[in-house]
Amino acid sequence: MVRNKDALETYLHDIGKYPRISQQREQELSSTIQDESMSEQTKTSALQELVEANLRLVFHCLKEFDRYLHQSTVRLSNLDLISEGNIGLLKAAQSYQPAFGDGKRPTRFSTYACKCIKSHMIRAIKKSRFIHIPEHHFTYWSEIEAVRKAADANISDEEIRKKLKVSPEAYALFMHSAESGTCHLEDFGKKDDDSLHWSDYIADEKSLTPYDRIDHEDLRQYLFAAIDELPPRTGKMLSMLYFNESAPTLKDLSNLFGVSSERCRQICAQGIQALRKNLMAERPAIADSLALPTAIAAA
């Protein structure tokens, strides 16, 4: 929490360096951004100036959503919402046109940008919750809080419901949606020891258990022993094809042993059939696992 506060103070100090601009300058920059005849460098420079001059606007909009950040169901920080608001500010700067308004009194950029900023902040709060919250619920939450604040919290839920003029079912739904939220997986691993994380309790599916290692080593020994009982050329071909890290192909075996690739395939297929036959009596499970590979079994 302290780190987040320090980072927020540093951010506010940094954005305070950018000077404010007049409404006329905003319109000039917006015209430059929307002018297709301008170079990309000129448009980018104008966009940057317009955004930087209005970064304080994002922090101003943040105050309206500060109450949500203190709810346990919302797992966002001030900086998270500021980041989302900055995205909304950037999109507003890209789409704003000086002609917005009734013609006599053009819409100020700040008025237009505030809607985009708040929209992105609301969307971020909605996504931070485990259950999707309809847009109009946020309006009712604000109204409920305003009624409670006006009454100094000395008001019952029934009285609030009547003031809002909603049904008991609807009011119950609003209260339920306000309590729905998310929890981090890390929360389950830090109850007793802060050094432990949730990932410390999850098994690695790719790693072998001690029992699996013993079973695989046992299988490997049986296979090598069975291959030694095959004719030397057959055993060497199978060892190279399945137990060599270089993973040679049938063509490589053909060049090495001086026979055709088809003949190598036949020898390997016969060798696997012999392995299955020899192991069937001793280890049926191993024999069943020795299915003919497609490259060898293909006729």
Protein backbone atom coordinates (compact mmCIF):
# COMPACT_ATOMS: atom_id res chain seq x y z
CA MET A 1 0.00 0.00 0.00
CA VAL A 2 2.88 2.34 0.84
CA ARG A 3 4.58 1.59 -2.43
CA ASN A 4 1.38 2.31 -4.33
CA LYS A 5 1.03 5.66 -2.52
CA ASP A 6 4.63 6.62 -3.31
CA ALA A 7 4.18 5.66 -6.96
CA LEU A 8 0.98 7.72 -7.17
CA GLU A 9 2.69 10.78 -5.68
CA THR A 10 5.58 10.39 -8.13
CA TYR A 11 3.13 10.14 -11.03
CA LEU A 12 1.25 13.27 -9.94
CA HIS A 13 4.53 15.14 -9.62
CA ASP A 14 5.57 14.08 -13.13
CA ILE A 15 2.32 15.07 -14.88
CA GLY A 16 2.41 18.43 -13.13
CA LYS A 17 5.34 19.39 -15.36
CA TYR A 18 3.16 19.54 -18.48
CA PRO A 19 1.62 23.01 -19.02
CA ARG A 20 -2.07 23.55 -19.62
CA ILE A 21 -3.24 24.76 -23.02
CA SER A 22 -6.09 27.02 -24.09
CA GLN A 23 -9.27 25.93 -25.83
CA GLN A 24 -8.03 27.50 -29.04
CA ARG A 25 -4.81 25.50 -28.85
CA GLU A 26 -6.83 22.31 -28.25
CA GLN A 27 -8.81 22.97 -31.41
CA GLU A 28 -5.63 23.63 -33.39
CA LEU A 29 -4.08 20.38 -32.21
CA SER A 30 -7.29 18.43 -32.90
CA SER A 31 -7.47 19.86 -36.42
CA THR A 32 -3.88 18.78 -37.00
CA ILE A 33 -4.60 15.25 -35.74
CA GLN A 34 -7.65 14.87 -38.00
CA ASP A 35 -5.96 16.43 -41.05
CA GLU A 36 -5.03 13.59 -43.41
CA SER A 37 -2.64 15.83 -45.35
CA MET A 38 -0.37 16.18 -42.32
CA SER A 39 2.64 13.92 -41.89
CA GLU A 40 2.54 11.15 -39.31
CA GLN A 41 5.28 12.83 -37.32
CA THR A 42 3.33 16.10 -37.13
CA LYS A 43 0.12 14.31 -36.12
CA THR A 44 1.96 12.26 -33.49
CA SER A 45 3.53 15.39 -32.03
CA ALA A 46 0.14 17.14 -31.84
CA LEU A 47 -1.45 14.07 -30.27
CA GLN A 48 1.28 13.89 -27.65
CA GLU A 49 0.91 17.56 -26.70
CA LEU A 50 -2.88 17.27 -26.41
CA VAL A 51 -2.68 14.15 -24.23
CA GLU A 52 0.08 15.44 -21.97
CA ALA A 53 -1.76 18.72 -21.36
CA ASN A 54 -4.83 16.80 -20.13
CA LEU A 55 -3.25 14.10 -17.96
CA ARG A 56 -4.55 15.92 -14.89
CA LEU A 57 -8.05 15.29 -16.24
CA VAL A 58 -7.60 11.56 -15.66
CA PHE A 59 -6.77 12.12 -12.01
CA HIS A 60 -9.81 14.40 -11.72
CA CYS A 61 -12.05 11.61 -13.05
CA LEU A 62 -10.38 9.13 -10.70
CA LYS A 63 -11.91 10.88 -7.67
CA GLU A 64 -15.38 9.81 -8.81
CA PHE A 65 -14.36 6.12 -8.68
CA ASP A 66 -12.24 6.29 -5.55
CA ARG A 67 -15.05 4.81 -3.46
CA TYR A 68 -14.99 1.61 -5.52
CA LEU A 69 -11.30 1.06 -4.84
CA HIS A 70 -11.96 0.71 -1.11
CA GLN A 71 -14.34 -2.21 -1.67
CA SER A 72 -12.86 -5.65 -1.04
CA THR A 73 -14.57 -6.93 -4.17
CA VAL A 74 -12.59 -4.61 -6.47
CA ARG A 75 -9.00 -5.71 -6.93
CA LEU A 76 -7.68 -2.54 -8.54
CA SER A 77 -5.40 0.25 -7.39
CA ASN A 78 -5.39 3.94 -8.18
CA LEU A 79 -2.63 3.43 -10.71
CA ASP A 80 -4.63 0.67 -12.44
CA LEU A 81 -7.56 3.01 -12.99
CA ILE A 82 -5.23 5.82 -14.05
CA SER A 83 -3.73 3.53 -16.69
CA GLU A 84 -7.18 2.68 -18.01
CA GLY A 85 -8.15 6.36 -17.94
CA ASN A 86 -5.04 7.29 -19.91
CA ILE A 87 -6.10 4.85 -22.61
CA GLY A 88 -9.49 6.54 -22.74
CA LEU A 89 -7.79 9.95 -22.91
CA LEU A 90 -5.63 8.81 -25.82
CA LYS A 91 -8.63 7.50 -27.75
CA ALA A 92 -10.51 10.73 -27.07
CA ALA A 93 -7.60 12.77 -28.41
CA GLN A 94 -7.53 10.64 -31.56
CA SER A 95 -11.25 11.01 -32.30
CA TYR A 96 -12.08 14.50 -31.00
CA GLN A 97 -13.07 17.09 -33.59
CA PRO A 98 -13.43 20.85 -32.96
CA ALA A 99 -16.78 20.78 -34.79
CA PHE A 100 -18.40 18.77 -31.98
CA GLY A 101 -21.23 20.76 -30.41
CA ASP A 102 -24.10 22.92 -31.64
CA GLY A 103 -21.90 25.08 -33.87
CA LYS A 104 -22.20 28.18 -31.71
CA ARG A 105 -20.55 26.69 -28.63
CA PRO A 106 -18.21 23.85 -29.58
CA THR A 107 -17.76 21.07 -27.06
CA ARG A 108 -14.63 21.44 -24.97
CA PHE A 109 -12.12 18.68 -25.27
CA SER A 110 -12.24 18.10 -21.51
CA THR A 111 -16.00 17.47 -21.68
CA TYR A 112 -15.59 14.98 -24.49
CA ALA A 113 -12.55 13.28 -22.97
CA CYS A 114 -14.16 12.83 -19.55
CA LYS A 115 -16.78 10.52 -21.02
CA CYS A 116 -14.12 8.36 -22.68
CA ILE A 117 -11.97 8.28 -19.54
CA LYS A 118 -14.86 7.31 -17.25
CA SER A 119 -16.04 4.70 -19.72
CA HIS A 120 -12.65 2.95 -19.63
CA MET A 121 -12.50 3.17 -15.84
CA ILE A 122 -15.96 1.64 -15.45
CA ARG A 123 -15.02 -1.12 -17.86
CA ALA A 124 -11.89 -1.88 -15.82
CA ILE A 125 -13.90 -2.11 -12.59
CA LYS A 126 -16.41 -4.41 -14.26
CA LYS A 127 -13.69 -6.71 -15.56
CA SER A 128 -12.03 -6.85 -12.15
CA ARG A 129 -15.09 -8.60 -10.76
CA PHE A 130 -15.71 -12.30 -10.93
CA ILE A 131 -19.32 -11.81 -12.04
CA HIS A 132 -20.24 -9.56 -14.95
CA ILE A 133 -21.99 -6.44 -13.69
CA PRO A 134 -24.55 -4.69 -15.95
CA GLU A 135 -23.79 -1.06 -16.70
CA HIS A 136 -26.86 0.38 -14.95
CA HIS A 137 -25.87 -1.25 -11.65
CA PHE A 138 -23.07 1.27 -11.25
CA THR A 139 -25.61 4.10 -11.44
CA TYR A 140 -27.73 2.55 -8.71
CA TRP A 141 -24.66 1.98 -6.52
CA SER A 142 -23.87 5.69 -6.76
CA GLU A 143 -27.46 6.62 -5.93
CA ILE A 144 -27.54 4.25 -2.94
CA GLU A 145 -24.33 5.71 -1.61
CA ALA A 146 -25.60 9.27 -2.13
CA VAL A 147 -28.80 8.49 -0.19
CA ARG A 148 -26.84 6.95 2.68
CA LYS A 149 -24.44 9.89 2.77
CA ALA A 150 -27.29 12.40 2.85
CA ALA A 151 -28.90 10.52 5.74
CA ASP A 152 -25.59 10.13 7.62
CA ALA A 153 -25.97 6.36 7.29
CA ASN A 154 -29.01 6.41 9.61
CA ILE A 155 -31.34 4.89 7.07
CA SER A 156 -32.58 1.38 6.47
CA ASP A 157 -32.39 -0.58 3.24
CA GLU A 158 -36.15 -0.46 2.92
CA GLU A 159 -36.15 3.34 3.06
CA ILE A 160 -33.37 3.49 0.46
CA ARG A 161 -35.34 1.16 -1.78
CA LYS A 162 -38.41 3.37 -1.60
CA LYS A 163 -36.39 6.49 -2.39
CA LEU A 164 -34.94 4.78 -5.46
CA LYS A 165 -38.40 3.53 -6.44
CA VAL A 166 -37.27 -0.01 -7.26
CA SER A 167 -38.77 -3.36 -6.38
CA PRO A 168 -37.44 -5.45 -3.46
CA GLU A 169 -36.09 -8.00 -5.95
CA ALA A 170 -34.24 -5.35 -7.95
CA TYR A 171 -32.77 -3.77 -4.82
CA ALA A 172 -31.61 -7.16 -3.57
CA LEU A 173 -29.97 -7.76 -6.94
CA PHE A 174 -28.12 -4.42 -6.77
CA MET A 175 -26.83 -5.21 -3.30
CA HIS A 176 -25.77 -8.69 -4.35
CA SER A 177 -23.90 -7.40 -7.41
CA ALA A 178 -22.09 -4.87 -5.23
CA GLU A 179 -20.73 -7.73 -3.11
CA SER A 180 -19.62 -9.94 -5.99
CA GLY A 181 -15.91 -9.81 -6.71
CA THR A 182 -12.73 -11.69 -7.36
CA CYS A 183 -9.89 -13.06 -5.28
CA HIS A 184 -6.30 -13.66 -6.26
CA LEU A 185 -4.99 -17.20 -6.32
CA GLU A 186 -2.03 -15.90 -4.33
CA ASP A 187 -4.37 -15.16 -1.41
CA PHE A 188 -4.73 -18.88 -0.71
CA GLY A 189 -1.01 -19.37 -0.33
CA LYS A 190 -0.21 -16.51 2.04
CA LYS A 191 -2.35 -17.22 5.05
CA ASP A 192 0.49 -18.40 7.31
CA ASP A 193 3.67 -17.74 5.38
CA ASP A 194 4.20 -14.74 3.09
CA SER A 195 7.06 -16.54 1.36
CA LEU A 196 4.70 -19.19 -0.05
CA HIS A 197 2.71 -18.70 -3.23
CA TRP A 198 -0.22 -20.57 -4.73
CA SER A 199 2.09 -21.97 -7.41
CA ASP A 200 4.03 -23.76 -4.65
CA TYR A 201 1.00 -25.98 -4.04
CA ILE A 202 0.28 -26.87 -7.69
CA ALA A 203 1.91 -29.96 -9.12
CA ASP A 204 3.94 -29.63 -12.30
CA GLU A 205 2.14 -31.82 -14.83
CA LYS A 206 5.32 -32.14 -16.92
CA SER A 207 7.46 -33.47 -14.08
CA LEU A 208 7.62 -37.17 -13.25
CA THR A 209 6.79 -38.51 -9.81
CA PRO A 210 9.29 -40.90 -8.17
CA TYR A 211 6.96 -43.78 -9.03
CA ASP A 212 6.84 -42.69 -12.68
CA ARG A 213 10.64 -42.50 -12.84
CA ILE A 214 11.00 -46.00 -11.43
CA ASP A 215 8.36 -47.35 -13.82
CA HIS A 216 9.99 -45.69 -16.85
CA GLU A 217 13.44 -46.93 -15.86
CA ASP A 218 12.04 -50.44 -15.38
CA LEU A 219 10.41 -50.28 -18.81
CA ARG A 220 13.65 -49.05 -20.37
CA GLN A 221 15.65 -51.94 -18.88
CA TYR A 222 13.12 -54.49 -20.13
CA LEU A 223 13.22 -53.01 -23.61
CA PHE A 224 17.00 -53.00 -23.83
CA ALA A 225 17.13 -56.57 -22.57
CA ALA A 226 14.53 -57.63 -25.16
CA ILE A 227 16.32 -55.77 -27.98
CA ASP A 228 19.57 -57.61 -27.14
CA GLU A 229 17.79 -60.87 -27.91
CA LEU A 230 16.94 -59.71 -31.46
CA PRO A 231 19.23 -60.21 -34.46
CA PRO A 232 22.16 -57.72 -34.24
CA ARG A 233 21.16 -55.65 -37.27
CA THR A 234 17.52 -55.44 -36.20
CA GLY A 235 18.42 -54.50 -32.65
CA LYS A 236 20.86 -51.81 -33.82
CA MET A 237 18.29 -50.30 -36.19
CA LEU A 238 15.62 -50.10 -33.47
CA SER A 239 18.09 -48.63 -30.95
CA MET A 240 19.19 -45.96 -33.39
CA LEU A 241 15.65 -45.16 -34.52
CA TYR A 242 14.07 -44.83 -31.04
CA PHE A 243 16.89 -44.33 -28.53
CA ASN A 244 19.27 -42.05 -30.41
CA GLU A 245 19.12 -38.32 -29.62
CA SER A 246 19.94 -37.43 -33.24
CA ALA A 247 16.65 -39.14 -34.30
CA PRO A 248 17.77 -40.62 -37.64
CA THR A 249 15.23 -41.33 -40.36
CA LEU A 250 14.70 -44.49 -42.37
CA LYS A 251 16.70 -42.87 -45.15
CA ASP A 252 19.63 -42.36 -42.77
CA LEU A 253 19.45 -46.02 -41.78
CA SER A 254 19.33 -46.96 -45.45
CA ASN A 255 22.57 -45.11 -46.17
CA LEU A 256 24.25 -46.56 -43.07
CA PHE A 257 23.32 -50.22 -43.58
CA GLY A 258 23.41 -50.23 -47.37
CA VAL A 259 19.83 -51.37 -47.91
CA SER A 260 16.72 -49.58 -49.19
CA SER A 261 14.46 -47.49 -46.97
CA GLU A 262 11.67 -49.98 -47.56
CA ARG A 263 13.87 -52.81 -46.34
CA CYS A 264 14.77 -50.80 -43.21
CA ARG A 265 11.06 -50.27 -42.57
CA GLN A 266 10.38 -53.99 -42.91
CA ILE A 267 13.24 -54.92 -40.56
CA CYS A 268 12.09 -52.43 -37.91
CA ALA A 269 8.46 -53.57 -38.21
CA GLN A 270 9.50 -57.20 -37.82
CA GLY A 271 11.67 -56.27 -34.85
CA ILE A 272 8.79 -54.54 -33.06
CA GLN A 273 6.52 -57.48 -33.72
CA ALA A 274 9.16 -59.77 -32.24
CA LEU A 275 9.48 -57.52 -29.19
CA ARG A 276 5.75 -57.61 -28.58
CA LYS A 277 5.69 -61.38 -28.93
CA ASN A 278 8.64 -61.91 -26.56
CA LEU A 279 7.30 -59.51 -23.93
CA MET A 280 3.68 -60.60 -24.08
CA ALA A 281 4.24 -63.45 -21.66
CA GLU A 282 6.33 -61.47 -19.13
CA ARG A 283 4.93 -57.93 -19.26
CA PRO A 284 1.58 -57.66 -21.11
CA ALA A 285 1.27 -53.95 -20.20
CA ILE A 286 4.61 -53.20 -21.86
CA ALA A 287 3.74 -55.23 -24.91
CA ASP A 288 0.45 -53.37 -25.38
CA SER A 289 2.29 -50.04 -25.21
CA LEU A 290 4.55 -51.00 -28.13
CA ALA A 291 2.11 -49.96 -30.86
CA LEU A 292 3.63 -49.84 -34.33
CA PRO A 293 4.59 -46.28 -35.21
CA THR A 294 2.98 -44.83 -38.32
CA ALA A 295 6.29 -44.37 -40.10
CA ILE A 296 7.11 -48.06 -39.69
CA ALA A 297 3.70 -49.72 -39.82
CA ALA A 298 2.66 -47.99 -43.04
CA ALA A 299 2.66 -50.56 -45.82
